[in-house]
Protein backbone atom coordinates (compact mmCIF):
# COMPACT_ATOMS: atom_id res chain seq x y z
CA MET A 1 65.65 -83.38 -64.36
CA SER A 2 62.60 -85.54 -64.58
CA GLN A 3 60.81 -87.69 -67.82
CA LYS A 4 57.83 -88.97 -67.95
CA LEU A 5 57.59 -92.18 -69.90
CA THR A 6 54.65 -94.41 -70.39
CA ILE A 7 55.22 -97.84 -72.05
CA PHE A 8 52.12 -99.96 -73.11
CA ILE A 9 52.94 -104.10 -72.87
CA VAL A 10 50.42 -106.14 -75.50
CA GLY A 11 51.11 -108.95 -77.09
CA PRO A 12 48.67 -112.39 -77.53
CA PRO A 13 47.60 -114.09 -74.46
CA LYS A 14 49.63 -116.37 -71.95
CA THR A 15 53.25 -114.54 -73.22
CA GLY A 16 55.00 -113.27 -70.47
CA LYS A 17 53.60 -109.37 -70.13
CA THR A 18 52.59 -109.16 -66.65
CA ALA A 19 55.31 -111.20 -65.59
CA ILE A 20 57.51 -108.37 -67.62
CA ALA A 21 55.82 -105.30 -66.64
CA ASN A 22 56.85 -106.85 -62.16
CA TYR A 23 59.92 -106.84 -63.82
CA LEU A 24 60.46 -103.92 -64.91
CA ALA A 25 58.85 -102.07 -61.78
CA ASP A 26 61.12 -104.31 -59.55
CA LEU A 27 57.85 -106.28 -58.10
CA ALA A 28 59.60 -109.46 -59.14
CA ASP A 29 63.52 -111.29 -58.95
CA SER A 30 63.20 -113.41 -62.78
CA LEU A 31 60.56 -112.73 -64.93
CA ASN A 32 59.48 -116.77 -64.09
CA GLY A 33 56.29 -116.54 -63.06
CA ASN A 34 54.52 -119.68 -61.64
CA GLU A 35 50.83 -119.82 -61.25
CA TYR A 36 49.16 -117.75 -64.58
CA HIS A 37 46.38 -115.20 -63.74
CA PRO A 38 44.94 -113.04 -66.70
CA THR A 39 44.79 -109.96 -66.49
CA GLN A 40 41.92 -108.30 -66.99
CA GLY A 41 40.98 -105.21 -69.18
CA VAL A 42 45.07 -103.48 -68.10
CA ARG A 43 46.63 -102.86 -65.02
CA ILE A 44 49.18 -99.88 -64.80
CA LEU A 45 52.02 -99.60 -62.89
CA GLU A 46 54.24 -96.22 -61.92
CA PHE A 47 57.80 -96.39 -60.53
CA GLU A 48 60.50 -94.32 -60.67
CA LYS A 49 64.14 -95.50 -62.14
CA HIS A 50 66.89 -93.34 -61.72
CA LEU A 51 70.12 -93.82 -64.05
CA SER A 52 73.22 -92.10 -64.40
CA GLN A 53 74.39 -90.80 -67.38
CA SER A 54 77.89 -90.94 -68.28
CA ARG A 55 78.36 -86.80 -67.68
CA GLY A 56 78.02 -87.25 -63.83
CA LYS A 57 74.89 -86.08 -64.67
CA ASP A 58 71.22 -87.60 -62.58
CA ILE A 59 67.94 -88.54 -64.38
CA THR A 60 64.62 -89.90 -62.28
CA ILE A 61 62.32 -91.94 -65.63
CA SER A 62 58.70 -91.79 -64.16
CA VAL A 63 57.23 -94.14 -66.01
CA GLU A 64 53.71 -95.39 -66.57
CA ALA A 65 53.70 -99.35 -67.61
CA TRP A 66 51.11 -100.59 -69.31
CA ASP A 67 50.30 -104.47 -68.44
CA CYS A 68 46.95 -105.09 -71.14
CA SER A 69 45.14 -108.15 -71.22
CA GLY A 70 46.13 -110.17 -73.89
CA ASP A 71 42.06 -111.25 -74.47
CA PRO A 72 41.06 -110.43 -77.83
CA ALA A 73 37.90 -108.68 -75.97
CA PHE A 74 40.81 -106.28 -74.67
CA MET A 75 42.52 -105.85 -78.34
CA SER A 76 40.48 -103.16 -80.13
CA VAL A 77 41.12 -99.84 -77.20
CA TRP A 78 45.11 -101.07 -78.62
CA PRO A 79 45.06 -98.22 -80.97
CA ALA A 80 43.66 -96.06 -79.37
CA VAL A 81 45.70 -96.19 -75.31
CA ALA A 82 49.10 -97.34 -77.86
CA SER A 83 49.41 -93.90 -79.34
CA SER A 84 49.61 -92.19 -76.33
CA ALA A 85 52.97 -93.80 -75.11
CA ALA A 86 56.33 -93.29 -75.92
CA ALA A 87 57.09 -97.00 -76.35
CA VAL A 88 54.45 -100.17 -77.00
CA VAL A 89 56.93 -103.63 -75.79
CA PHE A 90 55.26 -106.51 -78.12
CA VAL A 91 55.32 -109.82 -76.13
CA CYS A 92 55.30 -112.94 -78.43
CA THR A 93 56.75 -116.51 -77.29
CA PRO A 94 58.47 -118.32 -80.65
CA ASP A 95 57.25 -121.85 -79.09
CA LYS A 96 53.10 -121.56 -79.48
CA LYS A 97 51.59 -121.26 -82.78
CA GLN A 98 50.15 -117.80 -82.54
CA ASP A 99 49.60 -117.02 -86.05
CA LYS A 100 46.25 -115.62 -86.21
CA ASP A 101 46.54 -113.67 -82.33
CA LEU A 102 49.51 -112.21 -83.91
CA GLU A 103 48.53 -110.90 -87.10
CA ALA A 104 45.56 -109.55 -85.03
């Protein structure tokens, strides 16, 4: 059985959205990145995850992870894109003062 899942990853700049997307897609071994490279617009990662259910049936899920830029110039498109997603992951960093970014 195969299913498709679209995940929309958003949040303020420099919060680790790309690190999370790379980790989910098995493109990184950890969430610790060394260099910061801001995403321009959106980066779409397509990958599959194989899951075993308790009843012995295996499921293959085709995942589309949309790694969205935290740049305010791109935030206006978030609502339109998020409406077609099965899940939205909002990423923030609690140790940074991002109140205005979080409100947006």
